[in-house]
Amino acid sequence: MKLSQLAVRFAVTPFGAAFDRFCVRHLGESPVSMIFAHSEGVDYNAPLLLTTRGRKSGEKRTVVLPYFSAGKGWIAIVGSRGGLPTDPHWARNLKADPAATIFLRRREVAVEAKLAEGSERQMLWESITARAPVYLTDQKRADGHREIPVFVLSARDGSSLRL
């Protein structure tokens, strides 16, 4: 079993997910993402914490996600879920309620999410997959089920989220 597979298995356990969130919040880095990137031979991409409101429960849900530049002081996140047939819960939560918060570079920022579509999505997808080709594999797995969503996040106060 590859080290990246072990990292993912650890990250999906309650303890592993909590540990990874703790590291991102207090150290600004994700050990799970580092292991995954190193094992897969891709560049490590610093993560953020995304907190959404559960579309059914109404409770806050926080996940660790890599992020990418989307221009104009915005950032993009990708709902790959490893290419599984359904979107990740956080993506479904954002579709139901685009108001969220992120914890980025050790500061909390209220954001508004917008699902990228059409040419905007295509431009972002090309830029993101050039940096993180693992998403191309995920999209192949998801083909026939869904198009992997790309969300653009902007600060609700209008400030820049520049990388």
N, C-alpha and C. Protein backbone atom coordinates (compact mmCIF):
# COMPACT_ATOMS: atom_id res chain seq x y z
N MET A 1 0.85 -1.18 0.00
CA MET A 1 0.00 0.00 0.00
C MET A 1 0.89 1.24 0.00
N LYS A 2 0.53 2.19 -0.85
CA LYS A 2 1.31 3.43 -0.94
C LYS A 2 1.11 4.29 0.31
N LEU A 3 2.12 5.09 0.59
CA LEU A 3 2.06 6.00 1.73
C LEU A 3 0.89 6.97 1.59
N SER A 4 0.60 7.41 0.36
CA SER A 4 -0.52 8.34 0.15
C SER A 4 -1.84 7.69 0.52
N GLN A 5 -1.97 6.39 0.25
CA GLN A 5 -3.21 5.69 0.61
C GLN A 5 -3.35 5.59 2.12
N LEU A 6 -2.24 5.35 2.82
CA LEU A 6 -2.26 5.33 4.28
C LEU A 6 -2.64 6.69 4.84
N ALA A 7 -2.09 7.75 4.24
CA ALA A 7 -2.41 9.11 4.71
C ALA A 7 -3.89 9.40 4.56
N VAL A 8 -4.46 8.99 3.43
CA VAL A 8 -5.89 9.22 3.20
C VAL A 8 -6.71 8.40 4.19
N ARG A 9 -6.33 7.15 4.40
CA ARG A 9 -7.06 6.31 5.37
C ARG A 9 -7.02 6.92 6.76
N PHE A 10 -5.87 7.48 7.14
CA PHE A 10 -5.75 8.15 8.44
C PHE A 10 -6.62 9.39 8.49
N ALA A 11 -6.59 10.17 7.43
CA ALA A 11 -7.30 11.45 7.40
C ALA A 11 -8.81 11.29 7.50
N VAL A 12 -9.34 10.17 7.05
CA VAL A 12 -10.80 9.98 7.10
C VAL A 12 -11.29 9.41 8.42
N THR A 13 -10.37 9.08 9.32
CA THR A 13 -10.80 8.67 10.65
C THR A 13 -11.11 9.92 11.46
N PRO A 14 -11.98 9.82 12.45
CA PRO A 14 -12.26 11.01 13.29
C PRO A 14 -11.00 11.59 13.92
N PHE A 15 -10.11 10.75 14.42
CA PHE A 15 -8.88 11.26 15.03
C PHE A 15 -7.98 11.91 13.98
N GLY A 16 -7.82 11.25 12.84
CA GLY A 16 -6.96 11.78 11.79
C GLY A 16 -7.45 13.12 11.26
N ALA A 17 -8.76 13.24 11.04
CA ALA A 17 -9.32 14.50 10.56
C ALA A 17 -9.14 15.60 11.60
N ALA A 18 -9.37 15.28 12.89
CA ALA A 18 -9.20 16.28 13.95
C ALA A 18 -7.73 16.70 14.07
N PHE A 19 -6.82 15.73 13.97
CA PHE A 19 -5.40 16.04 14.03
C PHE A 19 -4.98 16.95 12.89
N ASP A 20 -5.45 16.64 11.68
CA ASP A 20 -5.10 17.46 10.52
C ASP A 20 -5.66 18.88 10.66
N ARG A 21 -6.90 19.01 11.10
CA ARG A 21 -7.48 20.35 11.32
C ARG A 21 -6.68 21.13 12.37
N PHE A 22 -6.29 20.45 13.45
CA PHE A 22 -5.49 21.08 14.50
C PHE A 22 -4.18 21.62 13.91
N CYS A 23 -3.50 20.79 13.12
CA CYS A 23 -2.21 21.21 12.53
C CYS A 23 -2.38 22.40 11.60
N VAL A 24 -3.42 22.39 10.78
CA VAL A 24 -3.64 23.51 9.86
C VAL A 24 -3.93 24.79 10.65
N ARG A 25 -4.76 24.68 11.66
CA ARG A 25 -5.13 25.86 12.44
C ARG A 25 -3.93 26.44 13.19
N HIS A 26 -3.11 25.58 13.79
CA HIS A 26 -2.05 26.07 14.68
C HIS A 26 -0.66 26.12 14.05
N LEU A 27 -0.44 25.33 13.02
CA LEU A 27 0.87 25.32 12.36
C LEU A 27 0.81 25.87 10.94
N GLY A 28 -0.39 25.95 10.38
CA GLY A 28 -0.54 26.44 9.02
C GLY A 28 -0.20 25.39 7.97
N GLU A 29 -0.01 24.14 8.39
CA GLU A 29 0.38 23.07 7.46
C GLU A 29 -0.44 21.82 7.74
N SER A 30 -0.58 20.98 6.71
CA SER A 30 -1.29 19.72 6.83
C SER A 30 -0.33 18.56 6.65
N PRO A 31 -0.06 17.80 7.72
CA PRO A 31 0.83 16.65 7.55
C PRO A 31 0.25 15.62 6.59
N VAL A 32 -1.06 15.44 6.59
CA VAL A 32 -1.68 14.48 5.68
C VAL A 32 -1.46 14.90 4.23
N SER A 33 -1.66 16.18 3.93
CA SER A 33 -1.45 16.66 2.57
C SER A 33 0.02 16.57 2.17
N MET A 34 0.91 16.83 3.11
CA MET A 34 2.35 16.73 2.82
C MET A 34 2.72 15.31 2.44
N ILE A 35 2.26 14.35 3.24
CA ILE A 35 2.56 12.93 2.96
C ILE A 35 1.98 12.52 1.62
N PHE A 36 0.73 12.92 1.37
CA PHE A 36 0.08 12.58 0.11
C PHE A 36 0.87 13.15 -1.07
N ALA A 37 1.22 14.43 -1.00
CA ALA A 37 1.95 15.07 -2.10
C ALA A 37 3.30 14.40 -2.33
N HIS A 38 4.03 14.17 -1.25
CA HIS A 38 5.34 13.55 -1.37
C HIS A 38 5.23 12.15 -1.99
N SER A 39 4.27 11.38 -1.52
CA SER A 39 4.09 10.01 -2.01
C SER A 39 3.67 9.97 -3.47
N GLU A 40 2.86 10.96 -3.88
CA GLU A 40 2.37 10.99 -5.27
C GLU A 40 3.33 11.72 -6.21
N GLY A 41 4.39 12.32 -5.65
CA GLY A 41 5.36 13.02 -6.49
C GLY A 41 4.86 14.33 -7.04
N VAL A 42 3.95 14.98 -6.31
CA VAL A 42 3.42 16.28 -6.76
C VAL A 42 3.81 17.34 -5.74
N ASP A 43 3.70 18.60 -6.15
CA ASP A 43 4.01 19.70 -5.25
C ASP A 43 2.99 19.76 -4.11
N TYR A 44 3.50 20.05 -2.93
CA TYR A 44 2.63 20.25 -1.77
C TYR A 44 1.93 21.59 -1.92
N ASN A 45 0.66 21.60 -1.65
CA ASN A 45 -0.13 22.83 -1.75
C ASN A 45 -0.67 23.14 -0.36
N ALA A 46 -0.29 24.28 0.19
CA ALA A 46 -0.74 24.65 1.52
C ALA A 46 -2.27 24.62 1.60
N PRO A 47 -2.81 24.17 2.73
CA PRO A 47 -4.26 24.05 2.85
C PRO A 47 -4.89 25.21 3.62
N LEU A 48 -6.20 25.21 3.59
CA LEU A 48 -7.00 26.09 4.42
C LEU A 48 -8.02 25.22 5.14
N LEU A 49 -8.66 25.81 6.12
CA LEU A 49 -9.81 25.18 6.76
C LEU A 49 -11.05 25.85 6.21
N LEU A 50 -12.00 25.06 5.76
CA LEU A 50 -13.28 25.57 5.27
C LEU A 50 -14.36 25.13 6.24
N THR A 51 -15.14 26.09 6.72
CA THR A 51 -16.26 25.77 7.60
C THR A 51 -17.55 26.15 6.90
N THR A 52 -18.40 25.15 6.71
CA THR A 52 -19.71 25.35 6.11
C THR A 52 -20.77 25.00 7.14
N ARG A 53 -22.01 25.35 6.83
CA ARG A 53 -23.13 24.96 7.68
C ARG A 53 -23.78 23.74 7.03
N GLY A 54 -23.95 22.68 7.81
CA GLY A 54 -24.57 21.46 7.30
C GLY A 54 -25.95 21.75 6.73
N ARG A 55 -26.19 21.31 5.51
CA ARG A 55 -27.45 21.62 4.84
C ARG A 55 -28.63 20.93 5.50
N LYS A 56 -28.42 19.84 6.21
CA LYS A 56 -29.50 19.14 6.91
C LYS A 56 -29.48 19.43 8.41
N SER A 57 -28.28 19.34 9.00
CA SER A 57 -28.16 19.49 10.46
C SER A 57 -28.12 20.95 10.90
N GLY A 58 -27.62 21.83 10.03
CA GLY A 58 -27.43 23.23 10.42
C GLY A 58 -26.18 23.44 11.26
N GLU A 59 -25.45 22.36 11.56
CA GLU A 59 -24.25 22.47 12.38
C GLU A 59 -23.04 22.83 11.52
N LYS A 60 -22.06 23.47 12.16
CA LYS A 60 -20.84 23.84 11.45
C LYS A 60 -20.00 22.59 11.19
N ARG A 61 -19.45 22.53 9.97
CA ARG A 61 -18.61 21.41 9.55
C ARG A 61 -17.32 21.99 8.98
N THR A 62 -16.17 21.49 9.44
CA THR A 62 -14.88 22.03 9.02
C THR A 62 -14.04 20.94 8.38
N VAL A 63 -13.46 21.27 7.23
CA VAL A 63 -12.59 20.34 6.49
C VAL A 63 -11.30 21.04 6.09
N VAL A 64 -10.26 20.25 5.86
CA VAL A 64 -8.98 20.73 5.35
C VAL A 64 -9.00 20.56 3.84
N LEU A 65 -8.67 21.63 3.11
CA LEU A 65 -8.66 21.59 1.65
C LEU A 65 -7.47 22.36 1.09
N PRO A 66 -6.87 21.85 0.01
CA PRO A 66 -5.89 22.67 -0.70
C PRO A 66 -6.63 23.79 -1.43
N TYR A 67 -5.92 24.87 -1.70
CA TYR A 67 -6.55 25.98 -2.42
C TYR A 67 -5.61 26.48 -3.50
N PHE A 68 -6.20 27.20 -4.45
CA PHE A 68 -5.47 27.66 -5.63
C PHE A 68 -5.87 29.09 -5.94
N SER A 69 -5.01 29.82 -6.60
CA SER A 69 -5.32 31.18 -7.00
C SER A 69 -6.42 31.18 -8.05
N ALA A 70 -7.36 32.11 -7.91
CA ALA A 70 -8.43 32.26 -8.90
C ALA A 70 -8.42 33.68 -9.46
N GLY A 71 -7.34 34.43 -9.23
CA GLY A 71 -7.25 35.81 -9.72
C GLY A 71 -8.12 36.75 -8.91
N LYS A 72 -7.96 38.03 -9.11
CA LYS A 72 -8.77 39.08 -8.48
C LYS A 72 -8.77 39.00 -6.95
N GLY A 73 -7.76 38.38 -6.35
CA GLY A 73 -7.72 38.25 -4.90
C GLY A 73 -8.65 37.16 -4.38
N TRP A 74 -9.09 36.28 -5.27
CA TRP A 74 -9.97 35.17 -4.90
C TRP A 74 -9.17 33.88 -4.90
N ILE A 75 -9.76 32.85 -4.29
CA ILE A 75 -9.14 31.52 -4.32
C ILE A 75 -10.16 30.49 -4.77
N ALA A 76 -9.65 29.36 -5.25
CA ALA A 76 -10.52 28.28 -5.72
C ALA A 76 -10.26 27.02 -4.91
N ILE A 77 -11.31 26.25 -4.71
CA ILE A 77 -11.22 24.94 -4.07
C ILE A 77 -11.94 23.93 -4.96
N VAL A 78 -11.52 22.68 -4.86
CA VAL A 78 -12.00 21.63 -5.76
C VAL A 78 -12.70 20.53 -4.97
N GLY A 79 -13.89 20.14 -5.39
CA GLY A 79 -14.66 19.09 -4.73
C GLY A 79 -14.47 17.74 -5.38
N SER A 80 -13.26 17.21 -5.31
CA SER A 80 -12.97 15.98 -6.05
C SER A 80 -13.48 14.72 -5.36
N ARG A 81 -13.32 14.64 -4.05
CA ARG A 81 -13.67 13.46 -3.27
C ARG A 81 -13.09 12.19 -3.89
N GLY A 82 -11.89 12.32 -4.44
CA GLY A 82 -11.21 11.17 -5.02
C GLY A 82 -11.88 10.59 -6.24
N GLY A 83 -12.82 11.33 -6.82
CA GLY A 83 -13.52 10.84 -8.01
C GLY A 83 -14.72 9.96 -7.71
N LEU A 84 -15.15 9.92 -6.45
CA LEU A 84 -16.34 9.13 -6.11
C LEU A 84 -17.56 9.70 -6.83
N PRO A 85 -18.63 8.92 -6.95
CA PRO A 85 -19.79 9.35 -7.75
C PRO A 85 -20.55 10.58 -7.22
N THR A 86 -20.37 10.93 -5.94
CA THR A 86 -21.11 12.08 -5.40
C THR A 86 -20.14 13.16 -4.91
N ASP A 87 -20.63 14.39 -4.90
CA ASP A 87 -19.83 15.51 -4.39
C ASP A 87 -19.57 15.33 -2.90
N PRO A 88 -18.47 15.89 -2.41
CA PRO A 88 -18.22 15.86 -0.97
C PRO A 88 -19.31 16.66 -0.24
N HIS A 89 -19.51 16.32 1.03
CA HIS A 89 -20.55 17.00 1.81
C HIS A 89 -20.35 18.51 1.84
N TRP A 90 -19.08 18.95 1.97
CA TRP A 90 -18.84 20.39 2.05
C TRP A 90 -19.30 21.09 0.78
N ALA A 91 -19.13 20.44 -0.38
CA ALA A 91 -19.56 21.04 -1.65
C ALA A 91 -21.08 21.13 -1.71
N ARG A 92 -21.76 20.09 -1.25
CA ARG A 92 -23.22 20.13 -1.21
C ARG A 92 -23.70 21.19 -0.23
N ASN A 93 -22.97 21.35 0.87
CA ASN A 93 -23.32 22.41 1.83
C ASN A 93 -23.18 23.79 1.20
N LEU A 94 -22.09 24.01 0.44
CA LEU A 94 -21.88 25.31 -0.20
C LEU A 94 -22.94 25.60 -1.26
N LYS A 95 -23.37 24.56 -1.97
CA LYS A 95 -24.43 24.76 -2.96
C LYS A 95 -25.73 25.17 -2.29
N ALA A 96 -25.98 24.66 -1.09
CA ALA A 96 -27.19 25.01 -0.34
C ALA A 96 -27.07 26.38 0.33
N ASP A 97 -25.86 26.71 0.78
CA ASP A 97 -25.63 27.99 1.48
C ASP A 97 -24.20 28.44 1.18
N PRO A 98 -24.02 29.40 0.28
CA PRO A 98 -22.67 29.80 -0.13
C PRO A 98 -21.89 30.62 0.90
N ALA A 99 -22.51 30.98 2.02
CA ALA A 99 -21.79 31.70 3.08
C ALA A 99 -20.97 30.70 3.88
N ALA A 100 -19.70 30.99 4.05
CA ALA A 100 -18.80 30.09 4.78
C ALA A 100 -17.71 30.91 5.43
N THR A 101 -16.85 30.24 6.16
CA THR A 101 -15.65 30.89 6.69
C THR A 101 -14.46 30.00 6.34
N ILE A 102 -13.32 30.65 6.18
CA ILE A 102 -12.08 29.90 5.99
C ILE A 102 -11.10 30.36 7.05
N PHE A 103 -10.18 29.50 7.36
CA PHE A 103 -9.06 29.83 8.23
C PHE A 103 -7.84 29.70 7.34
N LEU A 104 -7.27 30.84 6.97
CA LEU A 104 -6.21 30.91 5.98
C LEU A 104 -5.04 31.69 6.55
N ARG A 105 -3.87 31.08 6.51
CA ARG A 105 -2.66 31.71 7.07
C ARG A 105 -2.92 32.23 8.48
N ARG A 106 -3.54 31.39 9.26
CA ARG A 106 -3.81 31.62 10.69
C ARG A 106 -4.73 32.79 10.97
N ARG A 107 -5.65 33.08 10.02
CA ARG A 107 -6.67 34.08 10.31
C ARG A 107 -8.00 33.62 9.70
N GLU A 108 -9.06 33.98 10.40
CA GLU A 108 -10.39 33.58 9.95
C GLU A 108 -10.98 34.66 9.05
N VAL A 109 -11.58 34.23 7.94
CA VAL A 109 -12.15 35.16 6.97
C VAL A 109 -13.53 34.66 6.55
N ALA A 110 -14.52 35.53 6.62
CA ALA A 110 -15.86 35.19 6.13
C ALA A 110 -15.83 35.28 4.60
N VAL A 111 -16.31 34.23 3.94
CA VAL A 111 -16.26 34.18 2.48
C VAL A 111 -17.63 33.85 1.90
N GLU A 112 -17.73 34.14 0.63
CA GLU A 112 -18.89 33.78 -0.18
C GLU A 112 -18.37 32.85 -1.27
N ALA A 113 -19.05 31.72 -1.47
CA ALA A 113 -18.62 30.74 -2.47
C ALA A 113 -19.51 30.85 -3.70
N LYS A 114 -18.88 30.68 -4.85
CA LYS A 114 -19.62 30.66 -6.11
C LYS A 114 -19.13 29.46 -6.90
N LEU A 115 -20.06 28.65 -7.40
CA LEU A 115 -19.70 27.52 -8.24
C LEU A 115 -19.24 28.04 -9.59
N ALA A 116 -18.01 27.70 -9.97
CA ALA A 116 -17.49 28.13 -11.27
C ALA A 116 -18.14 27.27 -12.36
N GLU A 117 -18.56 27.93 -13.43
CA GLU A 117 -19.21 27.23 -14.53
C GLU A 117 -18.67 27.74 -15.86
N GLY A 118 -18.90 26.96 -16.90
CA GLY A 118 -18.54 27.37 -18.25
C GLY A 118 -17.07 27.67 -18.42
N SER A 119 -16.80 28.79 -19.12
CA SER A 119 -15.41 29.13 -19.44
C SER A 119 -14.60 29.46 -18.18
N GLU A 120 -15.26 30.03 -17.16
CA GLU A 120 -14.55 30.32 -15.91
C GLU A 120 -14.05 29.02 -15.29
N ARG A 121 -14.91 28.01 -15.23
CA ARG A 121 -14.51 26.72 -14.66
C ARG A 121 -13.39 26.11 -15.50
N GLN A 122 -13.52 26.15 -16.81
CA GLN A 122 -12.52 25.55 -17.70
C GLN A 122 -11.15 26.19 -17.48
N MET A 123 -11.10 27.51 -17.39
CA MET A 123 -9.84 28.21 -17.17
C MET A 123 -9.23 27.81 -15.82
N LEU A 124 -10.06 27.79 -14.77
CA LEU A 124 -9.57 27.40 -13.45
C LEU A 124 -9.12 25.95 -13.45
N TRP A 125 -9.92 25.08 -14.06
CA TRP A 125 -9.61 23.65 -14.10
C TRP A 125 -8.25 23.40 -14.76
N GLU A 126 -7.99 24.07 -15.87
CA GLU A 126 -6.71 23.90 -16.55
C GLU A 126 -5.55 24.38 -15.67
N SER A 127 -5.73 25.50 -15.02
CA SER A 127 -4.70 26.03 -14.14
C SER A 127 -4.46 25.11 -12.94
N ILE A 128 -5.53 24.64 -12.34
CA ILE A 128 -5.43 23.78 -11.15
C ILE A 128 -4.82 22.43 -11.50
N THR A 129 -5.28 21.81 -12.58
CA THR A 129 -4.77 20.48 -12.93
C THR A 129 -3.34 20.52 -13.45
N ALA A 130 -2.89 21.66 -13.93
CA ALA A 130 -1.47 21.79 -14.30
C ALA A 130 -0.62 21.70 -13.05
N ARG A 131 -1.13 22.22 -11.96
CA ARG A 131 -0.39 22.21 -10.69
C ARG A 131 -0.64 20.93 -9.90
N ALA A 132 -1.85 20.40 -10.00
CA ALA A 132 -2.24 19.21 -9.23
C ALA A 132 -2.92 18.21 -10.17
N PRO A 133 -2.13 17.46 -10.94
CA PRO A 133 -2.71 16.55 -11.93
C PRO A 133 -3.54 15.41 -11.34
N VAL A 134 -3.46 15.20 -10.05
CA VAL A 134 -4.28 14.16 -9.41
C VAL A 134 -5.77 14.39 -9.69
N TYR A 135 -6.17 15.64 -9.88
CA TYR A 135 -7.58 15.93 -10.16
C TYR A 135 -8.03 15.40 -11.52
N LEU A 136 -7.10 15.25 -12.46
CA LEU A 136 -7.45 14.66 -13.75
C LEU A 136 -7.83 13.18 -13.58
N THR A 137 -7.09 12.48 -12.74
CA THR A 137 -7.41 11.08 -12.43
C THR A 137 -8.75 11.01 -11.72
N ASP A 138 -8.98 11.92 -10.77
CA ASP A 138 -10.26 11.94 -10.06
C ASP A 138 -11.42 12.18 -11.02
N GLN A 139 -11.23 13.08 -11.99
CA GLN A 139 -12.31 13.37 -12.94
C GLN A 139 -12.60 12.16 -13.81
N LYS A 140 -11.55 11.41 -14.19
CA LYS A 140 -11.77 10.19 -14.98
C LYS A 140 -12.61 9.19 -14.20
N ARG A 141 -12.34 9.07 -12.90
CA ARG A 141 -13.13 8.17 -12.05
C ARG A 141 -14.58 8.65 -11.95
N ALA A 142 -14.77 9.96 -11.92
CA ALA A 142 -16.12 10.53 -11.74
C ALA A 142 -16.91 10.60 -13.04
N ASP A 143 -16.23 10.45 -14.19
CA ASP A 143 -16.93 10.55 -15.48
C ASP A 143 -18.13 9.62 -15.51
N GLY A 144 -19.22 10.14 -16.06
CA GLY A 144 -20.46 9.39 -16.11
C GLY A 144 -21.32 9.60 -14.88
N HIS A 145 -20.73 10.18 -13.83
CA HIS A 145 -21.47 10.44 -12.59
C HIS A 145 -21.65 11.93 -12.32
N ARG A 146 -20.53 12.68 -12.51
CA ARG A 146 -20.57 14.10 -12.18
C ARG A 146 -19.35 14.80 -12.74
N GLU A 147 -19.47 16.11 -12.86
CA GLU A 147 -18.31 16.95 -13.14
C GLU A 147 -17.82 17.45 -11.80
N ILE A 148 -16.53 17.32 -11.56
CA ILE A 148 -15.98 17.75 -10.28
C ILE A 148 -16.18 19.27 -10.14
N PRO A 149 -16.82 19.70 -9.05
CA PRO A 149 -17.07 21.13 -8.89
C PRO A 149 -15.83 21.91 -8.47
N VAL A 150 -15.75 23.13 -8.98
CA VAL A 150 -14.72 24.08 -8.58
C VAL A 150 -15.46 25.30 -8.05
N PHE A 151 -15.13 25.69 -6.82
CA PHE A 151 -15.75 26.85 -6.20
C PHE A 151 -14.75 27.98 -6.11
N VAL A 152 -15.23 29.19 -6.34
CA VAL A 152 -14.42 30.39 -6.17
C VAL A 152 -14.86 31.05 -4.88
N LEU A 153 -13.90 31.33 -4.01
CA LEU A 153 -14.19 31.97 -2.73
C LEU A 153 -13.70 33.42 -2.76
N SER A 154 -14.57 34.31 -2.30
CA SER A 154 -14.19 35.72 -2.18
C SER A 154 -14.54 36.17 -0.77
N ALA A 155 -13.72 37.07 -0.23
CA ALA A 155 -13.96 37.60 1.12
C ALA A 155 -15.23 38.44 1.10
N ARG A 156 -16.09 38.24 2.08
CA ARG A 156 -17.35 39.00 2.14
C ARG A 156 -17.10 40.49 2.39
N ASP A 157 -15.97 40.83 3.01
CA ASP A 157 -15.69 42.25 3.24
C ASP A 157 -14.96 42.89 2.07
N GLY A 158 -14.75 42.13 1.00
CA GLY A 158 -14.10 42.67 -0.18
C GLY A 158 -12.59 42.65 -0.14
N SER A 159 -11.99 42.21 0.97
CA SER A 159 -10.54 42.17 1.04
C SER A 159 -9.98 41.06 0.16
N SER A 160 -8.71 41.13 -0.10
CA SER A 160 -8.05 40.17 -0.97
C SER A 160 -7.66 38.90 -0.21
N LEU A 161 -7.81 37.78 -0.88
CA LEU A 161 -7.35 36.50 -0.33
C LEU A 161 -6.07 36.06 -1.05
N ARG A 162 -5.31 37.01 -1.55
CA ARG A 162 -4.11 36.73 -2.34
C ARG A 162 -3.24 35.70 -1.66
N LEU A 163 -2.64 34.87 -2.51
CA LEU A 163 -1.77 33.80 -2.01
C LEU A 163 -0.41 34.32 -1.64
